[in-house]
Protein backbone atom coordinates (compact mmCIF):
# COMPACT_ATOMS: atom_id res chain seq x y z
CA MET A 1 -12.27 252.31 225.04
CA ARG A 2 -9.40 250.00 225.97
CA PRO A 3 -7.35 248.42 223.19
CA GLU A 4 -8.37 244.94 222.11
CA LEU A 5 -6.55 242.34 224.21
CA ARG A 6 -4.84 239.18 223.05
CA THR A 7 -6.71 235.89 223.43
CA ALA A 8 -5.47 232.50 224.58
CA ILE A 9 -6.88 229.09 225.38
CA ALA A 10 -5.58 226.31 227.60
CA THR A 11 -4.95 223.09 225.74
CA VAL A 12 -6.91 221.28 228.47
CA CYS A 13 -10.10 222.88 227.05
CA LEU A 14 -9.96 220.88 223.82
CA SER A 15 -10.09 217.28 222.70
CA GLY A 16 -7.51 215.33 220.73
CA THR A 17 -3.75 215.22 220.46
CA LEU A 18 -1.67 218.30 221.10
CA ASP A 19 -1.42 218.95 217.38
CA ASP A 20 -5.22 218.69 217.04
CA LYS A 21 -5.58 221.27 219.79
CA LEU A 22 -2.97 223.66 218.40
CA THR A 23 -4.44 223.53 214.91
CA ALA A 24 -7.97 224.12 216.19
CA ALA A 25 -6.88 227.06 218.37
CA ALA A 26 -5.01 228.69 215.49
CA GLU A 27 -7.86 228.23 213.00
CA ALA A 28 -10.33 229.73 215.49
CA GLY A 29 -8.18 232.87 215.70
CA PHE A 30 -6.53 232.56 219.11
CA ASP A 31 -3.27 234.43 219.62
CA GLY A 32 -1.76 232.02 222.13
CA ILE A 33 -2.18 228.97 224.33
CA GLU A 34 -1.67 227.79 227.86
CA LEU A 35 0.26 224.54 227.50
CA PHE A 36 -1.06 221.94 229.92
CA GLU A 37 1.79 219.73 231.06
CA ASN A 38 -0.04 216.46 230.32
CA ASP A 39 -0.33 217.48 226.66
CA LEU A 40 3.44 217.97 226.49
CA LEU A 41 4.15 214.64 228.19
CA ALA A 42 1.93 212.72 225.78
CA ASP A 43 3.56 214.24 222.68
CA ARG A 44 6.52 212.59 220.94
CA ARG A 45 8.05 215.90 219.89
CA GLY A 46 10.52 217.70 222.06
CA PRO A 47 9.76 221.12 223.59
CA ALA A 48 11.75 222.94 220.89
CA GLU A 49 9.75 221.23 218.14
CA ILE A 50 6.48 222.11 219.85
CA ARG A 51 7.66 225.71 220.11
CA GLN A 52 8.35 225.73 216.37
CA ARG A 53 4.98 224.17 215.60
CA CYS A 54 3.23 226.90 217.59
CA ALA A 55 5.27 229.57 215.80
CA ASP A 56 4.34 228.09 212.42
CA LEU A 57 0.67 228.33 213.42
CA GLY A 58 1.04 231.89 214.67
CA LEU A 59 0.53 230.90 218.30
CA SER A 60 2.53 232.07 221.30
CA ILE A 61 2.90 229.90 224.40
CA ASP A 62 1.77 232.24 227.15
CA LEU A 63 1.72 229.94 230.17
CA TYR A 64 3.09 226.56 231.17
CA GLN A 65 0.95 224.80 233.74
CA PRO A 66 0.48 223.50 236.32
CA PHE A 67 3.28 223.27 238.91
CA ARG A 68 1.72 221.86 242.07
CA ASP A 69 2.37 221.57 245.82
CA PHE A 70 5.48 223.72 246.11
CA GLU A 71 5.23 226.18 249.00
CA ALA A 72 5.20 226.01 252.83
CA VAL A 73 6.80 222.56 253.12
CA PRO A 74 9.57 221.03 255.29
CA PRO A 75 13.20 221.49 254.15
CA ASP A 76 13.61 218.04 252.61
CA VAL A 77 10.43 218.44 250.56
CA LEU A 78 11.51 221.94 249.51
CA ALA A 79 14.80 220.58 248.17
CA ALA A 80 12.95 218.02 246.05
CA ASN A 81 10.53 220.69 244.86
CA LEU A 82 13.36 222.96 243.77
CA ARG A 83 14.96 220.13 241.78
CA ARG A 84 11.59 219.56 240.13
CA ALA A 85 11.25 223.26 239.39
CA GLU A 86 14.67 223.50 237.75
CA GLN A 87 13.69 220.75 235.33
CA LYS A 88 10.50 222.62 234.49
CA PHE A 89 12.52 225.78 233.90
CA ASP A 90 14.67 223.88 231.41
CA VAL A 91 11.52 222.79 229.56
CA MET A 92 10.14 226.33 229.59
CA ALA A 93 13.34 227.68 228.07
CA GLU A 94 13.03 225.24 225.18
CA LEU A 95 9.34 226.04 224.78
CA GLY A 96 9.98 229.77 224.76
CA VAL A 97 7.44 230.47 227.52
CA ASP A 98 8.35 232.80 230.37
CA THR A 99 5.54 232.19 232.91
CA VAL A 100 4.67 229.09 234.90
CA LEU A 101 1.50 228.60 236.93
CA VAL A 102 2.10 227.54 240.55
CA CYS A 103 -1.08 226.38 242.27
CA SER A 104 -1.54 226.78 246.01
CA SER A 105 -0.66 223.55 247.75
CA VAL A 106 -3.13 220.79 248.53
CA SER A 107 -0.37 218.52 249.87
CA PRO A 108 -0.78 216.96 253.33
CA GLU A 109 2.86 217.99 253.91
CA ALA A 110 2.01 221.68 253.58
CA ILE A 111 2.32 223.87 256.68
CA ASP A 112 -0.11 226.63 257.63
CA ASP A 113 2.52 229.38 257.71
CA ASP A 114 2.25 232.41 255.41
CA ASP A 115 5.76 233.60 256.26
CA LEU A 116 7.20 230.22 255.24
CA ALA A 117 5.11 230.19 252.05
CA ALA A 118 6.34 233.69 251.16
CA GLU A 119 9.95 232.76 251.90
CA GLN A 120 9.88 229.64 249.74
CA LEU A 121 8.05 231.35 246.88
CA HIS A 122 10.66 234.14 247.04
CA LEU A 123 13.36 231.49 246.65
CA LEU A 124 11.53 229.94 243.68
CA ALA A 125 11.03 233.36 242.07
CA THR A 126 14.72 234.17 242.55
CA ARG A 127 15.73 231.06 240.64
CA ALA A 128 13.12 231.76 237.96
CA GLY A 129 14.18 235.41 237.65
CA GLU A 130 17.80 234.43 237.10
CA ARG A 131 16.59 232.66 233.96
CA GLY A 132 14.21 235.40 232.80
CA LEU A 133 11.14 233.50 233.96
CA ARG A 134 8.14 234.41 236.12
CA ILE A 135 6.02 232.61 238.74
CA ALA A 136 2.23 233.15 238.65
CA TYR A 137 0.83 232.01 242.01
CA GLU A 138 -2.82 230.93 241.99
CA ALA A 139 -5.12 230.20 244.93
CA LEU A 140 -7.04 226.99 244.25
CA ALA A 141 -10.56 227.14 245.66
CA TRP A 142 -9.77 223.84 247.42
CA GLY A 143 -6.22 224.74 248.47
CA ARG A 144 -5.20 223.25 251.82
CA TYR A 145 -4.48 226.59 253.48
CA VAL A 146 -4.48 229.16 250.66
CA ASN A 147 -7.84 229.07 248.86
CA GLY A 148 -8.68 232.71 248.22
CA TYR A 149 -7.11 235.24 245.84
CA GLU A 150 -6.70 237.89 248.54
CA HIS A 151 -4.76 235.42 250.67
CA ALA A 152 -2.55 234.52 247.69
CA TRP A 153 -1.91 238.23 247.04
CA ARG A 154 -0.90 238.81 250.68
CA ILE A 155 1.70 236.04 250.36
CA VAL A 156 2.99 237.38 247.03
CA ARG A 157 3.21 240.89 248.47
CA ARG A 158 5.05 239.56 251.54
CA ALA A 159 7.49 237.65 249.33
CA GLY A 160 8.28 240.89 247.50
CA HIS A 161 10.02 239.54 244.41
CA PRO A 162 9.66 241.11 240.92
CA SER A 163 9.42 237.66 239.30
CA LEU A 164 6.50 236.62 241.51
CA GLY A 165 2.91 237.66 240.84
CA VAL A 166 -0.60 236.26 241.01
CA CYS A 167 -2.74 234.35 238.55
CA LEU A 168 -6.44 235.19 238.88
CA ASP A 169 -8.90 232.47 237.88
CA SER A 170 -12.55 233.48 237.65
CA PHE A 171 -13.79 230.03 238.64
CA HIS A 172 -11.74 229.83 241.83
CA ILE A 173 -12.92 233.28 242.85
CA LEU A 174 -16.58 233.32 241.78
CA SER A 175 -17.40 229.71 242.71
CA LYS A 176 -16.69 230.56 246.36
CA GLY A 177 -18.67 233.78 246.22
CA ASP A 178 -15.58 235.92 246.85
CA ASP A 179 -15.97 239.62 246.09
CA PRO A 180 -13.82 240.44 243.03
CA ARG A 181 -13.82 244.19 243.72
CA ALA A 182 -10.69 243.89 245.85
CA ILE A 183 -8.82 242.87 242.69
CA ARG A 184 -8.67 246.57 241.85
CA ALA A 185 -6.25 247.05 244.74
CA ILE A 186 -3.69 244.67 243.18
CA PRO A 187 -1.16 246.52 241.00
CA GLY A 188 -1.70 245.54 237.38
CA GLU A 189 1.94 244.59 236.90
CA LYS A 190 1.59 242.00 239.69
CA ILE A 191 -1.30 240.24 237.95
CA PHE A 192 0.80 237.95 235.82
CA PHE A 193 -2.04 235.99 234.23
CA LEU A 194 -5.83 235.85 233.93
CA GLN A 195 -7.81 232.64 233.43
CA LEU A 196 -11.51 232.78 232.58
CA ALA A 197 -14.23 230.19 232.98
CA ASP A 198 -17.97 230.36 233.45
CA ALA A 199 -20.10 227.72 235.19
CA PRO A 200 -23.70 226.88 236.02
CA THR A 201 -24.78 227.34 239.62
CA LEU A 202 -24.58 223.84 241.12
CA PRO A 203 -25.01 222.79 244.77
CA MET A 204 -21.92 220.57 244.90
CA ASP A 205 -18.38 220.45 246.19
CA VAL A 206 -16.15 222.92 244.37
CA LEU A 207 -13.56 220.34 243.20
CA PRO A 208 -15.86 218.14 241.04
CA TRP A 209 -17.74 221.29 240.01
CA SER A 210 -14.46 222.70 238.70
CA ARG A 211 -13.22 219.52 237.07
CA HIS A 212 -16.37 218.63 235.13
CA HIS A 213 -18.75 221.57 234.76
CA ARG A 214 -16.89 224.70 233.77
CA LEU A 215 -18.17 226.52 230.69
CA PHE A 216 -16.99 229.18 228.28
CA PRO A 217 -17.91 232.78 229.16
CA GLY A 218 -21.56 233.55 228.52
CA GLN A 219 -22.69 229.92 228.88
CA GLY A 220 -23.13 229.85 232.65
CA ASP A 221 -24.28 231.98 235.55
CA PHE A 222 -21.12 233.88 236.56
CA ASP A 223 -20.88 237.63 236.00
CA LEU A 224 -17.67 237.53 234.00
CA THR A 225 -18.17 241.01 232.57
CA THR A 226 -17.89 242.63 236.01
CA PHE A 227 -15.09 240.26 237.05
CA THR A 228 -13.01 240.97 233.96
CA ARG A 229 -13.65 244.70 234.23
CA ASP A 230 -12.25 244.63 237.78
CA VAL A 231 -9.10 242.90 236.52
CA LEU A 232 -8.64 245.33 233.64
CA ASP A 233 -9.27 248.33 235.90
CA ALA A 234 -6.43 247.07 238.09
CA GLY A 235 -4.15 247.55 235.07
CA TYR A 236 -3.84 244.00 233.72
CA ARG A 237 -2.93 243.97 230.03
CA GLY A 238 -2.08 240.32 229.43
CA PRO A 239 -4.16 237.88 227.40
CA LEU A 240 -7.74 236.94 228.10
CA SER A 241 -7.23 233.22 228.48
CA LEU A 242 -9.72 230.37 228.84
CA GLU A 243 -9.16 227.49 231.24
CA VAL A 244 -12.25 225.30 231.08
CA PHE A 245 -12.48 221.75 232.38
CA ASN A 246 -15.60 220.23 230.84
CA ASP A 247 -16.33 216.59 230.04
CA VAL A 248 -18.25 217.47 226.86
CA PHE A 249 -15.73 219.91 225.40
CA ARG A 250 -12.88 217.48 226.06
CA GLN A 251 -14.61 214.83 223.93
CA SER A 252 -16.00 217.06 221.18
CA ASP A 253 -14.58 218.08 217.82
CA PRO A 254 -11.75 220.43 218.82
CA HIS A 255 -12.30 222.74 215.85
CA ARG A 256 -15.95 223.30 216.73
CA ALA A 257 -15.14 223.71 220.43
CA ALA A 258 -12.39 226.23 219.63
CA VAL A 259 -14.79 228.33 217.56
CA ASP A 260 -17.30 228.21 220.42
CA ALA A 261 -14.53 229.28 222.80
CA MET A 262 -13.46 232.18 220.61
CA ARG A 263 -17.07 233.29 220.21
CA SER A 264 -17.32 233.42 224.00
CA LEU A 265 -14.29 235.70 224.26
CA VAL A 266 -15.51 237.97 221.48
CA GLY A 267 -18.84 238.23 223.27
CA LEU A 268 -17.08 239.01 226.55
CA GLN A 269 -14.96 241.72 224.94
CA ASP A 270 -18.09 243.16 223.35
CA SER A 271 -19.79 243.30 226.76
CA LEU A 272 -16.74 245.23 228.01
CA ARG A 273 -16.94 247.57 225.00
CA LEU A 274 -13.46 246.57 223.86
CA LEU A 275 -14.65 245.90 220.29
CA ASP A 276 -16.23 248.20 217.76
CA VAL A 277 -19.07 245.95 216.55
CA PRO A 278 -22.79 246.62 216.10
CA ALA A 279 -24.90 246.02 219.18
CA ALA A 280 -26.91 242.81 219.43
CA PRO A 281 -30.01 243.30 217.25
CA VAL A 282 -32.67 241.81 219.58
CA PRO A 283 -35.22 240.61 216.99
CA THR A 284 -38.65 242.22 217.11
CA GLY A 285 -40.47 239.07 216.05
CA TYR A 286 -40.63 236.11 213.71
CA ALA A 287 -40.87 236.96 210.02
CA PHE A 288 -41.45 233.27 209.23
CA ALA A 289 -40.62 229.70 210.12
CA GLU A 290 -39.76 227.13 207.44
CA VAL A 291 -40.52 223.43 207.51
CA VAL A 292 -38.97 221.05 205.00
CA GLY A 293 -41.13 218.69 202.94
CA GLU A 294 -44.71 218.51 201.69
CA SER A 295 -47.20 219.61 204.31
CA ASP A 296 -50.90 220.51 204.29
CA LEU A 297 -51.26 223.30 206.79
CA GLY A 298 -54.85 223.83 205.70
CA VAL A 299 -56.06 221.51 208.48
CA LEU A 300 -54.57 224.03 210.92
CA GLY A 301 -56.51 226.88 209.36
CA PHE A 302 -53.64 228.21 207.24
CA THR A 303 -54.09 229.45 203.67
CA ARG A 304 -51.57 228.91 200.87
CA THR A 305 -51.19 232.57 199.94
CA GLY A 306 -48.02 232.54 197.84
CA VAL A 307 -45.62 230.49 195.71
CA HIS A 308 -41.93 231.41 195.46
CA ARG A 309 -40.82 232.82 192.14
CA SER A 310 -37.81 230.51 191.69
CA LYS A 311 -37.82 227.89 194.45
CA PRO A 312 -40.17 225.03 195.38
CA VAL A 313 -41.36 226.95 198.45
CA GLU A 314 -44.93 227.86 199.44
CA LEU A 315 -46.09 230.58 201.81
CA TRP A 316 -48.87 229.65 204.24
CA THR A 317 -50.40 232.33 206.46
CA GLN A 318 -52.91 232.73 209.26
CA GLY A 319 -53.18 235.94 211.24
CA GLU A 320 -49.58 237.15 211.67
CA ALA A 321 -48.19 233.59 211.49
CA ARG A 322 -46.24 232.81 208.33
CA VAL A 323 -44.91 229.36 207.56
CA LEU A 324 -42.82 228.47 204.53
CA VAL A 325 -43.09 224.91 203.24
CA ASN A 326 -39.99 223.85 201.33
CA ALA A 327 -40.88 220.86 199.14
CA GLU A 328 -37.26 219.79 198.70
CA GLY A 329 -36.96 216.79 201.01
CA GLU A 330 -39.14 214.78 203.36
CA LEU A 331 -40.86 216.63 206.16
CA GLY A 332 -38.31 216.13 208.89
CA ALA A 333 -37.03 219.39 210.25
CA ILE A 334 -37.45 223.07 210.77
CA GLY A 335 -35.08 224.24 208.06
CA ALA A 336 -35.00 227.97 208.70
CA LEU A 337 -36.26 230.79 210.87
CA GLY A 338 -36.77 234.34 209.67
CA VAL A 339 -36.31 236.94 212.40
CA SER A 340 -37.16 240.60 211.99
CA VAL A 341 -34.30 242.90 213.01
CA PRO A 342 -34.04 246.69 212.76
CA ASP A 343 -30.83 246.64 210.67
CA PRO A 344 -30.05 243.34 208.87
CA ALA A 345 -26.67 244.62 207.57
CA ALA A 346 -25.50 245.52 211.07
CA ALA A 347 -26.82 242.23 212.43
CA ALA A 348 -24.94 240.34 209.70
CA LEU A 349 -21.72 242.20 210.53
CA ARG A 350 -22.08 241.35 214.19
CA ALA A 351 -22.72 237.70 213.33
CA LYS A 352 -19.57 237.58 211.22
CA VAL A 353 -17.42 239.05 214.02
CA LEU A 354 -18.90 236.42 216.33
CA LEU A 355 -17.78 233.66 213.95
CA ALA A 356 -21.18 233.12 212.30
CA PRO A 357 -20.47 234.29 208.75
CA PRO A 358 -23.28 234.64 206.18
CA LEU A 359 -24.28 231.50 204.31
CA ALA A 360 -23.78 231.44 200.57
CA ARG A 361 -27.14 231.67 198.81
CA LYS A 362 -28.46 232.67 195.41
CA ALA A 363 -31.24 235.19 194.89
CA GLY A 364 -33.06 235.32 191.59
CA PRO A 365 -33.78 238.53 189.63
CA GLY A 366 -35.87 240.93 191.70
CA GLU A 367 -35.74 238.75 194.81
CA ALA A 368 -34.93 240.18 198.24
CA PRO A 369 -31.22 239.90 199.11
CA LEU A 370 -31.74 238.18 202.45
CA THR A 371 -28.78 237.30 204.65
CA ALA A 372 -28.74 233.94 206.42
CA ILE A 373 -26.42 232.54 209.08
CA ALA A 374 -26.20 229.01 210.43
CA ALA A 375 -27.07 228.15 214.03
CA PRO A 376 -25.01 225.39 215.70
CA ASP A 377 -27.63 222.73 214.88
CA GLY A 378 -27.68 223.74 211.20
CA THR A 379 -30.91 225.75 211.30
CA GLU A 380 -30.64 228.73 208.96
CA ILE A 381 -31.43 232.08 210.58
CA PHE A 382 -32.58 234.72 208.07
CA LEU A 383 -32.15 238.38 209.06
CA CYS A 384 -35.19 240.22 207.71
CA ALA A 385 -36.21 243.87 207.52
CA ASP A 386 -39.90 244.66 207.37
CA ASP A 387 -41.76 242.47 204.85
CA ASP A 388 -39.58 243.00 201.78
CA TRP A 389 -39.13 239.24 201.41
CA LEU A 390 -42.85 238.76 200.75
CA GLY A 391 -42.28 240.16 197.26
CA ASP A 392 -40.47 236.91 196.41
CA PHE A 393 -43.83 235.09 196.46
CA VAL A 394 -46.46 235.21 193.73
CA PRO A 395 -49.92 235.56 195.34
CA THR A 396 -52.24 232.59 194.82
CA GLY A 397 -55.47 234.42 195.52
CA GLU A 398 -56.60 231.48 197.67
CA SER A 399 -58.59 231.92 200.85
CA ALA A 400 -59.73 229.57 203.60
CA PRO A 401 -61.48 229.79 206.97
CA GLU A 402 -59.11 230.55 209.84
CA ALA A 403 -58.99 228.62 213.09
CA GLY A 404 -57.97 231.37 215.51
CA ILE A 405 -54.18 231.16 215.21
CA THR A 406 -52.74 234.67 215.44
CA GLY A 407 -48.94 234.39 215.27
CA ILE A 408 -45.81 232.47 216.26
CA ASP A 409 -45.21 232.25 220.01
CA HIS A 410 -41.96 230.27 220.05
CA VAL A 411 -39.96 227.63 218.26
CA ALA A 412 -38.53 224.57 220.03
CA LEU A 413 -35.28 223.10 218.74
CA THR A 414 -33.86 219.94 220.26
CA GLN A 415 -30.08 220.08 220.30
CA PRO A 416 -27.49 217.32 220.23
CA PHE A 417 -26.27 217.03 223.83
CA ASP A 418 -22.76 218.18 222.94
CA ASN A 419 -24.08 221.42 221.41
CA PHE A 420 -26.53 222.51 224.11
CA ASP A 421 -24.29 225.16 225.73
CA GLU A 422 -22.89 226.21 222.35
CA ALA A 423 -26.42 226.90 221.06
CA GLY A 424 -27.29 229.03 224.07
CA LEU A 425 -24.16 231.14 223.62
CA PHE A 426 -24.84 231.53 219.89
CA TYR A 427 -28.33 232.97 220.35
CA ARG A 428 -27.22 235.10 223.28
CA SER A 429 -24.16 236.65 221.66
CA VAL A 430 -25.23 236.83 218.01
CA LEU A 431 -28.92 237.77 218.36
CA GLY A 432 -29.03 239.22 221.86
CA LEU A 433 -31.53 236.69 223.26
CA GLU A 434 -31.26 236.29 227.02
CA PRO A 435 -31.24 232.77 228.47
CA GLY A 436 -33.71 231.70 231.11
CA VAL A 437 -33.22 229.18 233.88
CA THR A 438 -32.03 225.73 232.82
CA ALA A 439 -34.53 223.06 233.84
CA GLU A 440 -34.20 219.29 233.94
CA PHE A 441 -37.12 216.90 234.02
CA ALA A 442 -37.65 213.14 233.93
CA ALA A 443 -39.15 212.20 230.59
CA PRO A 444 -40.39 208.71 229.66
CA PHE A 445 -37.09 207.86 227.96
CA GLY A 446 -34.56 209.63 230.14
CA LEU A 447 -33.58 212.94 231.62
CA VAL A 448 -34.14 216.03 229.46
CA ARG A 449 -32.53 219.43 229.91
CA GLY A 450 -34.20 222.55 228.56
CA ARG A 451 -33.59 226.27 228.50
CA GLY A 452 -35.52 229.14 226.99
CA VAL A 453 -33.84 232.07 225.27
CA SER A 454 -35.84 235.16 224.46
CA GLY A 455 -35.64 238.83 223.59
CA GLY A 456 -37.77 241.38 221.81
CA GLY A 457 -40.50 239.41 220.06
CA VAL A 458 -38.64 236.11 219.70
CA ARG A 459 -38.72 233.09 222.00
CA LEU A 460 -36.83 229.83 221.52
CA THR A 461 -36.58 226.73 223.65
CA LEU A 462 -33.46 224.61 223.44
CA ASP A 463 -33.70 221.04 224.69
CA CYS A 464 -31.43 218.03 224.81
CA ALA A 465 -31.52 214.48 226.11
CA LEU A 466 -28.72 213.97 228.60
CA VAL A 467 -28.32 210.27 227.80
CA ARG A 468 -29.91 208.26 225.03
CA ARG A 469 -28.71 204.73 224.42
CA GLY A 470 -29.70 201.82 222.20
CA GLY A 471 -32.79 200.78 220.30
CA TRP A 472 -35.12 201.28 223.25
CA ALA A 473 -34.87 205.04 222.79
CA PRO A 474 -37.80 206.58 220.89
CA ALA A 475 -37.47 206.86 217.14
CA VAL A 476 -37.83 210.66 217.28
CA ALA A 477 -34.47 211.48 218.80
CA GLU A 478 -34.44 215.23 218.24
CA PRO A 479 -38.01 216.52 217.72
CA GLN A 480 -38.72 220.13 216.79
CA HIS A 481 -41.88 222.15 216.83
CA ILE A 482 -43.43 225.52 216.10
CA ALA A 483 -45.78 226.96 218.70
CA PHE A 484 -48.51 229.28 217.43
CA THR A 485 -50.45 231.83 219.46
CA CYS A 486 -54.21 232.03 219.80
CA ALA A 487 -56.74 233.96 221.87
CA ASP A 488 -58.78 230.94 223.02
CA ALA A 489 -57.06 227.55 223.13
CA VAL A 490 -60.22 225.50 223.76
CA ALA A 491 -62.12 227.12 220.90
CA CYS A 492 -59.11 226.80 218.60
CA ALA A 493 -58.74 223.09 219.39
CA GLU A 494 -62.41 222.49 218.66
CA THR A 495 -62.12 224.26 215.31
CA LEU A 496 -58.97 222.41 214.29
CA ARG A 497 -60.59 219.04 215.00
CA GLU A 498 -63.47 220.04 212.75
CA LEU A 499 -60.94 220.91 210.02
CA GLY A 500 -59.41 217.43 210.31
CA ALA A 501 -56.28 218.21 212.28
CA ARG A 502 -54.75 215.22 214.09
CA LEU A 503 -54.44 216.62 217.60
CA LEU A 504 -52.50 214.77 220.27
CA ASP A 505 -54.75 212.87 222.68
CA ILE A 506 -53.88 213.44 226.36
CA PRO A 507 -54.64 210.70 228.97
CA GLY A 508 -57.53 211.23 231.38
CA ASN A 509 -55.23 210.67 234.36
CA TYR A 510 -53.63 214.03 233.61
CA TYR A 511 -56.95 215.86 234.09
CA ASP A 512 -57.83 213.91 237.24
CA ASP A 513 -54.55 215.13 238.71
CA LEU A 514 -55.16 218.66 237.41
CA MET A 515 -58.45 218.75 239.34
CA ALA A 516 -56.69 217.53 242.50
CA ARG A 517 -53.78 220.00 242.44
CA THR A 518 -55.55 223.17 241.26
CA ASN A 519 -58.65 225.12 242.18
CA LEU A 520 -59.88 225.24 238.59
CA PRO A 521 -63.65 224.89 238.18
CA ALA A 522 -64.82 221.44 237.13
CA ASP A 523 -66.44 222.71 233.96
CA ARG A 524 -63.21 224.39 232.89
CA VAL A 525 -61.19 221.23 233.47
CA GLY A 526 -63.88 219.34 231.58
CA ALA A 527 -63.44 221.62 228.55
CA LEU A 528 -59.66 221.11 228.69
CA ARG A 529 -60.14 217.33 228.94
CA ARG A 530 -62.51 217.13 225.96
CA ASN A 531 -60.06 218.99 223.75
CA SER A 532 -56.76 217.59 225.12
CA VAL A 533 -55.62 221.06 226.19
CA LEU A 534 -52.83 221.12 228.79
CA TYR A 535 -52.57 223.70 231.56
CA ASP A 536 -49.85 225.46 233.54
CA ARG A 537 -49.58 228.64 235.58
CA ASP A 538 -46.99 230.73 237.37
CA GLU A 539 -47.08 233.83 239.54
CA PHE A 540 -47.69 235.98 236.47
CA GLY A 541 -50.48 234.16 234.64
CA GLU A 542 -51.75 231.00 232.96
CA TYR A 543 -50.74 228.90 229.95
CA LEU A 544 -53.08 226.72 227.91
CA HIS A 545 -51.60 224.63 225.11
CA PHE A 546 -52.24 221.65 222.87
CA TYR A 547 -50.28 219.73 220.24
CA THR A 548 -50.66 218.02 216.92
CA GLU A 549 -49.34 214.55 216.26
CA LEU A 550 -46.02 214.35 214.45
CA ALA A 551 -46.14 215.62 210.87
CA GLY A 552 -43.31 213.65 209.28
CA ALA A 553 -40.14 212.43 210.90
CA ARG A 554 -39.67 214.91 213.75
CA VAL A 555 -41.82 218.05 213.36
CA PHE A 556 -45.07 218.82 215.15
CA PHE A 557 -47.03 221.93 216.06
CA GLU A 558 -48.28 223.48 219.29
CA VAL A 559 -50.96 226.11 219.86
CA VAL A 560 -50.72 228.22 223.01
CA GLU A 561 -52.81 230.77 224.86
CA ARG A 562 -50.96 233.01 227.30
CA ILE A 563 -53.15 234.61 229.95
CA GLY A 564 -51.71 237.51 231.91
CA GLY A 565 -47.93 237.66 232.03
CA TYR A 566 -47.11 233.94 231.99
CA ARG A 567 -43.43 233.64 231.03
CA GLY A 568 -42.70 229.95 230.67
CA PHE A 569 -43.29 227.20 228.13
CA GLY A 570 -45.36 224.61 230.00
CA VAL A 571 -42.32 222.47 230.76
CA VAL A 572 -44.14 220.68 233.57
CA ASN A 573 -46.36 219.05 230.92
CA ALA A 574 -43.52 217.91 228.66
CA PRO A 575 -43.30 214.31 229.98
CA VAL A 576 -47.05 213.83 229.38
CA ARG A 577 -46.73 215.19 225.86
CA MET A 578 -43.71 212.99 225.11
CA ALA A 579 -45.49 209.83 226.27
CA ALA A 580 -48.56 210.73 224.22
CA HIS A 581 -46.47 211.32 221.11
CA HIS A 582 -44.73 207.98 221.55
CA GLU A 583 -48.05 206.21 221.98
CA ALA A 584 -49.54 207.90 218.90
CA ARG A 585 -46.58 206.81 216.78
CA ARG A 586 -46.76 203.24 218.11
CA PHE A 587 -50.45 202.93 217.21
CA ALA A 588 -49.81 204.53 213.81
CA ARG A 589 -47.28 201.79 213.02
CA THR A 590 -49.58 198.91 214.03
């Protein structure tokens, strides 16, 4: 096992003034920063004062960046560039930072001549070395002539100066599909700096992709574990540093973003086995789901089987599905999820290391000492072992006819747009749930992005509205729902209607289209139509599902039947469901 490495974050990752960024980075536990030049220029303090402020916060300044368009230029441009560099060296001396990032040139004055680039970088490194400074040369993915890390390394090797090395940036390498295995051939002492960024796979030009859509490690599609392992195997022992350009992060609360960033680096180090923390627990199933406010689940075939010994909480059960109803507050949210894990203590320790410490809670005499952590949207996640927590409820002795619900299939949590990627990383790193493909679909009131995360016996869907503006937006801005399993969706829907459940009515146009685009028998489509059951299928199986109307401010329920190995969540039907919910609420108000 390698020793734990230092961590750093570029100030460009965070929102606010330089002092906001420094404070957030320090409080999140970072060891150092990359100081982005624009943050220095916008600050009223001099470099020496900024150096002192970083020292007071326990932060080192590990990199000053960026220095652009230096190499392979005509003599007159070179002279101007050297004057510019000397001024930067003066600033670096005051800041107490010994490494500057030099990006490969994008200037129209640059010349396609590796020998000239090596010669001029040697000259720059000579001047830097005389002052105890180093030059980290980085190949921009959109560099005019140098846009690959192997090309940058050839130039550095040709220049042959001890104060000149390379900076490796995961985005510039992985976005172009370059093979990182050749990094192992670069001597570790010549890798002066490592910058890490993840990203979603997007079919777009690399420059806007880089400037707007980078993510923290574990939030995108890049294999940063393999990439970082290649760098470490080459002998690099500098900091693991984040350089993420993202429009959301750069407008969000810097403290929250810094915690998210640190969580991503802890998760990355864990994947590299650099940390001694318990493995991700991978929950085996849902122990319970909790809704807040008064609710009669009897119309869904549930029985009130228990009352909490010390809290205004009721236990409702049907099959293996358990729902807690917390009477404190109006029905407006899913307040908590109980997940069954093999070792709650180990899972709690892992959560704490990943910056999700246990929530303070009181347990009465004889009650189970459950541990809860907070998800990014505020949902409490209880870590449960077996069914010990059931002893907290006094049995009611009540019984009622069941409707065919057998368990909890998944829970859907709509996220604030700014927290969508943060939520995915949280469930992936803390609980070991693996993310599925991110999907976007046109809903009646705007574009919606969704992503499933699943593992063991737990499935979650995370959704967000990309843009929602003004009073025209629907009143239910962030709906949530619990999806129950059943063996026969049509029969279950029929039974629930008989029990008085308010099921969501689906327009007939949907079923006319279903007949046209599938080979389903007419009688089967007719049964779906009569009971407002929606349908989807993939290469593995089929999915039948129906919904209740909203029960309170933002919570509703779904019942699903999975046939075969269907893996999705019926996303194709989401716009129809959303329009039907909006219509049901409009008629309820009139």
